[in-house]
Structures are given as structure tokens and as C-alpha cells.
Amino acid sequence: MGRYVLRRLLLTIPVLLGASLLIFSMVYALPGDPIRALGGDRPLSEAVQAQLRAEYNLDDPLLIQYLKYLAGLVQGDFGTDFSGRPVLATILDRLPVTARLALVAVGFEILIGIAAGVLAGLRRGSFFDNLVLVSTTVVVSIPVFVLGFLAQYVFGVRLGWFPIAGISQGWYSYVLPGLVLAALSLAYVARLTRTSLAENLQSDYVRTARAKGLSEARVVGKHTLRNSLIPVITFIGADLGALMGGAIVTESVFNIPGLGRAVYDAVLRQEGAVVVGIVTLFVFFYIFFNLVVDVLYAALDPRIRYE
């Protein structure tokens, strides 16, 4: 297992290099002049524009710009935005907010999604099973921004149960946006768990366990559910990497100052260094959580070996 993890970590280096080059090229090769846009209605003088381009290496060829950015990145320097603030400071300031939101969302996926999927899989064809299928289909068909505004109006404005914006009330402020962020993935988790559990309940090893006289709770809990959760863990792990990347729509609707909102604001201001730094970090999160999922496979299914 140790050698497998080490190999995967070493493979992360070229993947991050390739991803950062691709992201950097897409951001800085786009048409437009961010320095000229800084002046707004009052254009900056040509001398000031030239000074700013030299300061941010924007007058260099694209490859030279990337090599200079990479040299700073190796030293822990993600660059600075146009206000002079280090991008790393922005990341460290916004990352805890996005991490809390992602953890709340994944918690809803695990608690509600898996529970609903297990109950539906054990009672196929029942009223509850049909309810899960219909409700998840409805949730999947509603865009996230519409779901967010509906949740704000119903649970925040009308009922007054949750705050509708900001994070002034601590963890409680993350409940409603976390549920909205998890809604789509929660529906997939429920359906995936239901299908996987129902399929494994028809397997030979389950019939053998029942023939040995094991209780239904032991058959489902120890034998069937562990194998059924492998595709579910795969989905949740990949989804956690995506959630850590920051949910731009959810954070914008609920005015949450996370990484997704930082990327959105940076795109509007054409802050290339901020976009490249945070999006590259998103790639790292995605790779890391996929590695964690691979390691969990062996814990869920003893038949899986990596050596």
C-alpha cells in the first residue's frame, strides 16, 4: 500500500504541472488587457501601464510568464493581485470557509443520501422507494441557482429558520447553503446506493449468508452494504474534490466568501494570478481526494490489493 501511495503522489507532480500550464495558458491567452481595464473610465497613462505590465510580467511572452510564475510557485509564491495582496493570503483566508461548506454538504450526502438509498434498496417497489426515485428526479432537474433562491425564500424569508446570506452565525450559517450545494449530489448518492444495494442483495454470497442462518441485519450491514458502498465512496470522494474547489453559484447566491466566490470576483476583475492559483489548487484537491478513495477501497473490500 505504501509504495502505491508513493507512486500516486509522484504522478501528482506532472499532472499538476500540466494542469497549471493549461490553466495559465487559457487565462493569459484570452483577449483583453487587464492593465488597461484597471483605469476604468479614467484610462491610465501609457507610462503607468508599461510599469504595471513590467511589474506583473505581462510584457513577456506567454512561456516566459509561465516559467516565472512556476519559479515563484516552487518557493510558495502564488503571485499577487492588482491591489498588491498576495494570492496565497487570499487562499488562506477563503479556504476555511469553503472547507466548512464542503464538509456540511458531504455530511448531508452521507447522512441523507446513503440512508435514503439503503431504505429504498431494501424496499424496492414500496411507497418509500417510489418517493426516493421521484424526489431525486425532481431535485436533479432543478438548476442550483433556482434551488438556492427557493431555499432562501422558503426557509429563510418565510419560515425564518436559517440565515439567508453571510457566515455571521458560524456553522449554523452553512446549513442551508450546504444543503443546496449537496442537493444534486445527494440525489445521485441515493440512487446509486439503492441500485448497488439491490444488485448485491441478489448475489450468491448473500444467499449463502442467509442459508447459514445469519440475521438480516448482519447480512445487510456486514456483507452487502460494504460492497455496495464502493461505487458510492468513489462518487463522494470525487465530489468532495469538486466541492473543495468551491461552488461558485452557491457561494454567490448566499454571499459566502469562499474560494469559488474569489474566483468569480477575480474573473470579473481579470485577476489572472488569482484565477490560476486557486484553480490549480482545485486540481490538487481533486487528485488528493481521488487518492483517498483508492485507499478506502481496500478497507471496504479485503479482496482489493495494490501490491
Protein backbone atom coordinates (compact mmCIF):
# COMPACT_ATOMS: atom_id res chain seq x y z
CA MET A 1 0.00 0.00 0.00
CA GLY A 2 2.81 2.40 0.89
CA ARG A 3 4.54 2.03 -2.47
CA TYR A 4 1.23 2.50 -4.28
CA VAL A 5 0.53 5.75 -2.41
CA LEU A 6 4.07 6.97 -3.11
CA ARG A 7 3.69 6.25 -6.84
CA ARG A 8 0.41 8.11 -6.95
CA LEU A 9 1.94 11.10 -5.15
CA LEU A 10 4.83 11.19 -7.61
CA LEU A 11 2.37 11.08 -10.52
CA THR A 12 0.67 14.11 -9.00
CA ILE A 13 3.67 16.30 -9.89
CA PRO A 14 3.44 16.03 -13.72
CA VAL A 15 -0.35 16.22 -13.54
CA LEU A 16 -0.20 19.47 -11.57
CA LEU A 17 2.43 20.88 -13.92
CA GLY A 18 0.35 20.06 -16.98
CA ALA A 19 -2.83 21.39 -15.37
CA SER A 20 -1.18 24.62 -14.26
CA LEU A 21 0.28 25.18 -17.75
CA LEU A 22 -3.12 24.59 -19.34
CA ILE A 23 -4.91 26.87 -16.87
CA PHE A 24 -2.23 29.56 -17.18
CA SER A 25 -2.39 29.46 -20.97
CA MET A 26 -6.19 29.71 -21.05
CA VAL A 27 -6.26 32.62 -18.60
CA TYR A 28 -3.44 34.73 -20.05
CA ALA A 29 -4.04 33.93 -23.71
CA LEU A 30 -7.59 35.29 -23.57
CA PRO A 31 -8.17 38.56 -25.42
CA GLY A 32 -8.34 41.71 -23.35
CA ASP A 33 -5.95 43.93 -21.43
CA PRO A 34 -6.39 43.75 -17.64
CA ILE A 35 -3.99 46.67 -17.09
CA ARG A 36 -5.97 48.93 -19.38
CA ALA A 37 -9.18 47.80 -17.64
CA LEU A 38 -7.80 48.91 -14.25
CA GLY A 39 -8.30 52.53 -15.18
CA GLY A 40 -12.00 52.14 -15.87
CA ASP A 41 -13.49 55.38 -17.14
CA ARG A 42 -10.20 57.17 -16.45
CA PRO A 43 -7.54 55.39 -18.53
CA LEU A 44 -4.08 55.10 -17.01
CA SER A 45 -1.20 56.85 -18.68
CA GLU A 46 0.97 54.84 -21.04
CA ALA A 47 3.91 55.11 -18.62
CA VAL A 48 1.88 53.70 -15.72
CA GLN A 49 0.52 50.92 -17.91
CA ALA A 50 4.01 49.96 -19.03
CA GLN A 51 5.24 49.96 -15.42
CA LEU A 52 2.39 47.70 -14.30
CA ARG A 53 2.91 45.30 -17.22
CA ALA A 54 6.58 45.01 -16.32
CA GLU A 55 5.75 44.51 -12.63
CA TYR A 56 3.32 41.66 -13.38
CA ASN A 57 5.43 40.22 -16.25
CA LEU A 58 2.62 40.84 -18.72
CA ASP A 59 5.01 42.22 -21.32
CA ASP A 60 6.87 38.88 -21.56
CA PRO A 61 6.00 36.05 -23.96
CA LEU A 62 3.48 33.57 -22.57
CA LEU A 63 6.05 30.81 -21.96
CA ILE A 64 8.38 33.19 -20.09
CA GLN A 65 5.45 34.38 -17.99
CA TYR A 66 4.64 30.79 -17.06
CA LEU A 67 8.25 29.92 -16.19
CA LYS A 68 8.49 32.97 -13.92
CA TYR A 69 5.16 32.02 -12.32
CA LEU A 70 6.38 28.44 -11.84
CA ALA A 71 9.63 29.65 -10.26
CA GLY A 72 7.65 31.67 -7.74
CA LEU A 73 5.25 28.78 -7.14
CA VAL A 74 8.11 26.46 -6.17
CA GLN A 75 9.02 28.99 -3.47
CA GLY A 76 5.43 29.19 -2.22
CA ASP A 77 4.68 32.43 -4.04
CA PHE A 78 1.33 32.30 -5.87
CA GLY A 79 1.76 35.84 -7.12
CA THR A 80 -0.13 39.00 -6.17
CA ASP A 81 -3.34 40.59 -7.33
CA PHE A 82 -3.57 44.11 -8.73
CA SER A 83 -4.15 45.56 -5.26
CA GLY A 84 -0.80 44.14 -4.11
CA ARG A 85 -2.25 41.43 -1.89
CA PRO A 86 -0.56 38.00 -2.15
CA VAL A 87 -2.76 35.35 -3.74
CA LEU A 88 -1.68 32.92 -1.01
CA ALA A 89 -3.17 35.25 1.60
CA THR A 90 -6.48 35.19 -0.28
CA ILE A 91 -6.38 31.39 -0.45
CA LEU A 92 -5.61 31.01 3.26
CA ASP A 93 -8.39 33.46 4.09
CA ARG A 94 -11.05 31.82 1.90
CA LEU A 95 -10.07 28.14 2.20
CA PRO A 96 -11.54 27.51 5.70
CA VAL A 97 -14.89 28.91 4.54
CA THR A 98 -15.05 26.61 1.52
CA ALA A 99 -13.83 23.65 3.61
CA ARG A 100 -16.68 24.12 6.11
CA LEU A 101 -19.25 24.43 3.33
CA ALA A 102 -17.90 21.31 1.61
CA LEU A 103 -17.91 19.29 4.84
CA VAL A 104 -21.51 20.27 5.57
CA ALA A 105 -22.53 19.32 2.02
CA VAL A 106 -20.76 15.95 2.17
CA GLY A 107 -22.33 15.32 5.57
CA PHE A 108 -25.78 15.74 4.03
CA GLU A 109 -24.80 13.44 1.15
CA ILE A 110 -23.67 10.71 3.56
CA LEU A 111 -26.45 11.00 6.14
CA ILE A 112 -29.45 11.61 3.90
CA GLY A 113 -28.29 10.18 0.57
CA ILE A 114 -26.96 6.84 1.82
CA ALA A 115 -29.79 6.38 4.34
CA ALA A 116 -32.45 7.05 1.70
CA GLY A 117 -30.68 4.77 -0.79
CA VAL A 118 -30.39 1.89 1.70
CA LEU A 119 -34.04 2.08 2.73
CA ALA A 120 -35.15 2.31 -0.91
CA GLY A 121 -32.91 -0.62 -1.89
CA LEU A 122 -34.27 -2.81 0.89
CA ARG A 123 -37.87 -1.95 0.00
CA ARG A 124 -37.87 -1.94 -3.78
CA GLY A 125 -41.29 -1.21 -5.23
CA SER A 126 -42.61 0.25 -1.98
CA PHE A 127 -44.03 3.73 -1.49
CA PHE A 128 -40.75 4.93 0.02
CA ASP A 129 -38.79 3.57 -2.93
CA ASN A 130 -41.01 5.41 -5.40
CA LEU A 131 -40.80 8.55 -3.26
CA VAL A 132 -36.99 8.47 -3.39
CA LEU A 133 -36.98 7.94 -7.16
CA VAL A 134 -39.44 10.78 -7.82
CA SER A 135 -37.88 13.26 -5.38
CA THR A 136 -34.34 12.68 -6.64
CA THR A 137 -35.51 13.13 -10.24
CA VAL A 138 -37.12 16.45 -9.32
CA VAL A 139 -34.01 17.67 -7.49
CA VAL A 140 -31.73 16.75 -10.39
CA SER A 141 -33.94 18.67 -12.83
CA ILE A 142 -33.82 21.96 -10.88
CA PRO A 143 -30.80 24.27 -11.51
CA VAL A 144 -28.72 25.03 -8.43
CA PHE A 145 -29.29 28.79 -8.55
CA VAL A 146 -33.08 28.27 -8.68
CA LEU A 147 -32.90 25.81 -5.78
CA GLY A 148 -30.81 28.30 -3.84
CA PHE A 149 -33.27 31.16 -4.29
CA LEU A 150 -36.20 28.87 -3.39
CA ALA A 151 -34.41 27.70 -0.24
CA GLN A 152 -33.64 31.28 0.75
CA TYR A 153 -37.25 32.37 0.27
CA VAL A 154 -38.95 29.39 1.94
CA PHE A 155 -36.59 28.54 4.82
CA GLY A 156 -35.03 31.95 5.32
CA VAL A 157 -37.57 34.65 4.48
CA ARG A 158 -40.91 32.91 5.05
CA LEU A 159 -40.09 30.50 7.87
CA GLY A 160 -37.07 32.28 9.30
CA TRP A 161 -35.29 29.04 10.19
CA PHE A 162 -31.91 29.82 8.64
CA PRO A 163 -29.86 32.91 7.73
CA ILE A 164 -30.03 33.61 4.02
CA ALA A 165 -26.62 35.23 3.48
CA GLY A 166 -23.19 35.51 5.01
CA ILE A 167 -21.47 33.43 7.70
CA SER A 168 -22.05 35.63 10.74
CA GLN A 169 -23.77 32.82 12.70
CA GLY A 170 -20.93 30.31 12.48
CA TRP A 171 -21.64 26.72 11.47
CA TYR A 172 -25.38 27.39 11.51
CA SER A 173 -24.91 29.73 8.55
CA TYR A 174 -23.60 26.82 6.47
CA VAL A 175 -26.61 24.52 6.94
CA LEU A 176 -28.89 25.96 4.23
CA PRO A 177 -26.20 26.63 1.58
CA GLY A 178 -24.64 23.24 2.41
CA LEU A 179 -27.96 21.52 1.78
CA VAL A 180 -28.41 23.37 -1.52
CA LEU A 181 -24.86 22.55 -2.57
CA ALA A 182 -25.38 18.88 -1.69
CA ALA A 183 -28.83 18.56 -3.26
CA LEU A 184 -27.73 17.37 -6.70
CA SER A 185 -25.03 15.02 -5.41
CA LEU A 186 -27.33 13.80 -2.65
CA ALA A 187 -29.82 12.66 -5.27
CA TYR A 188 -27.11 10.77 -7.16
CA VAL A 189 -25.82 9.16 -3.95
CA ALA A 190 -29.32 7.96 -3.03
CA ARG A 191 -29.98 6.44 -6.44
CA LEU A 192 -26.51 4.92 -6.67
CA THR A 193 -26.78 3.36 -3.21
CA ARG A 194 -30.24 1.99 -3.99
CA THR A 195 -29.14 0.40 -7.26
CA SER A 196 -25.90 -1.04 -5.89
CA LEU A 197 -27.56 -2.46 -2.77
CA ALA A 198 -30.45 -4.00 -4.72
CA GLU A 199 -28.00 -5.64 -7.13
CA ASN A 200 -25.80 -7.08 -4.35
CA LEU A 201 -28.81 -8.45 -2.48
CA GLN A 202 -29.29 -10.85 -5.41
CA SER A 203 -25.69 -12.13 -5.26
CA ASP A 204 -24.70 -15.68 -4.40
CA TYR A 205 -22.75 -14.73 -1.29
CA VAL A 206 -25.85 -13.07 0.17
CA ARG A 207 -27.95 -16.18 -0.41
CA THR A 208 -25.17 -18.24 1.18
CA ALA A 209 -25.07 -15.98 4.22
CA ARG A 210 -28.82 -16.24 4.65
CA ALA A 211 -28.65 -20.03 4.23
CA LYS A 212 -26.16 -20.15 7.12
CA GLY A 213 -28.80 -18.60 9.35
CA LEU A 214 -27.26 -15.14 9.73
CA SER A 215 -29.62 -12.38 10.77
CA GLU A 216 -30.86 -9.99 8.11
CA ALA A 217 -29.14 -7.08 9.86
CA ARG A 218 -25.80 -8.91 9.72
CA VAL A 219 -26.29 -9.95 6.10
CA VAL A 220 -27.08 -6.40 5.02
CA GLY A 221 -24.78 -4.50 7.36
CA LYS A 222 -21.61 -6.58 7.23
CA HIS A 223 -21.74 -8.33 3.85
CA THR A 224 -23.98 -6.48 1.41
CA LEU A 225 -23.59 -2.85 2.42
CA ARG A 226 -19.78 -2.82 2.42
CA ASN A 227 -19.61 -4.00 -1.19
CA SER A 228 -22.46 -1.73 -2.19
CA LEU A 229 -20.71 1.36 -0.85
CA ILE A 230 -17.67 1.06 -3.13
CA PRO A 231 -19.21 2.97 -6.09
CA VAL A 232 -20.83 5.38 -3.62
CA ILE A 233 -17.48 6.16 -1.96
CA THR A 234 -15.99 6.68 -5.43
CA PHE A 235 -18.63 9.27 -6.24
CA ILE A 236 -18.45 11.04 -2.86
CA GLY A 237 -14.65 11.22 -3.00
CA ALA A 238 -14.66 12.77 -6.44
CA ASP A 239 -17.48 15.08 -5.42
CA LEU A 240 -15.60 16.22 -2.30
CA GLY A 241 -12.71 17.24 -4.52
CA ALA A 242 -15.11 19.24 -6.67
CA LEU A 243 -16.79 20.81 -3.62
CA MET A 244 -13.44 21.85 -2.17
CA GLY A 245 -12.90 23.63 -5.46
CA GLY A 246 -15.62 25.97 -4.35
CA ALA A 247 -19.18 26.21 -5.52
CA ILE A 248 -19.28 29.49 -7.42
CA VAL A 249 -23.07 29.57 -7.82
CA THR A 250 -23.93 28.59 -4.24
CA GLU A 251 -21.36 30.91 -2.69
CA SER A 252 -22.59 33.77 -4.87
CA VAL A 253 -26.28 33.19 -4.08
CA PHE A 254 -25.66 33.01 -0.32
CA ASN A 255 -22.90 35.68 -0.32
CA ILE A 256 -20.34 33.28 1.18
CA PRO A 257 -16.71 34.47 0.91
CA GLY A 258 -15.18 31.16 -0.20
CA LEU A 259 -12.76 30.15 -2.93
CA GLY A 260 -15.50 29.87 -5.55
CA ARG A 261 -16.60 33.44 -4.90
CA ALA A 262 -12.95 34.55 -5.04
CA VAL A 263 -12.56 33.00 -8.50
CA TYR A 264 -15.78 34.66 -9.68
CA ASP A 265 -14.65 38.08 -8.46
CA ALA A 266 -11.18 37.55 -9.94
CA VAL A 267 -12.63 36.72 -13.35
CA LEU A 268 -14.67 39.93 -13.31
CA ARG A 269 -11.56 41.96 -12.43
CA GLN A 270 -9.33 39.96 -14.83
CA GLU A 271 -7.04 38.98 -11.95
CA GLY A 272 -5.18 36.22 -13.77
CA ALA A 273 -2.84 35.32 -10.89
CA VAL A 274 -5.78 34.73 -8.54
CA VAL A 275 -7.65 32.56 -11.05
CA VAL A 276 -4.60 30.45 -11.91
CA GLY A 277 -3.55 29.96 -8.28
CA ILE A 278 -6.96 28.93 -6.97
CA VAL A 279 -7.94 26.75 -9.94
CA THR A 280 -4.58 24.92 -9.72
CA LEU A 281 -5.35 24.31 -6.06
CA PHE A 282 -8.72 22.88 -7.14
CA VAL A 283 -6.88 20.35 -9.31
CA PHE A 284 -4.73 19.30 -6.35
CA PHE A 285 -7.81 18.76 -4.16
CA TYR A 286 -9.42 16.62 -6.83
CA ILE A 287 -6.31 14.44 -7.21
CA PHE A 288 -5.82 14.13 -3.44
CA PHE A 289 -9.36 13.02 -2.66
CA ASN A 290 -9.32 10.52 -5.50
CA LEU A 291 -6.20 9.02 -3.91
CA VAL A 292 -8.01 8.83 -0.56
CA VAL A 293 -10.87 7.00 -2.27
CA ASP A 294 -8.48 4.44 -3.77
CA VAL A 295 -7.03 3.76 -0.31
CA LEU A 296 -10.52 3.34 1.14
CA TYR A 297 -11.30 0.64 -1.42
CA ALA A 298 -9.02 -1.80 0.38
CA ALA A 299 -10.71 -1.02 3.71
CA LEU A 300 -14.18 -1.66 2.28
CA ASP A 301 -13.31 -4.77 0.26
CA PRO A 302 -10.49 -7.02 1.59
CA ARG A 303 -10.20 -8.62 -1.86
CA ILE A 304 -8.70 -5.41 -3.27
CA ARG A 305 -4.90 -5.26 -3.12
CA TYR A 306 -2.49 -2.67 -4.51
CA GLU A 307 0.79 -4.56 -4.09
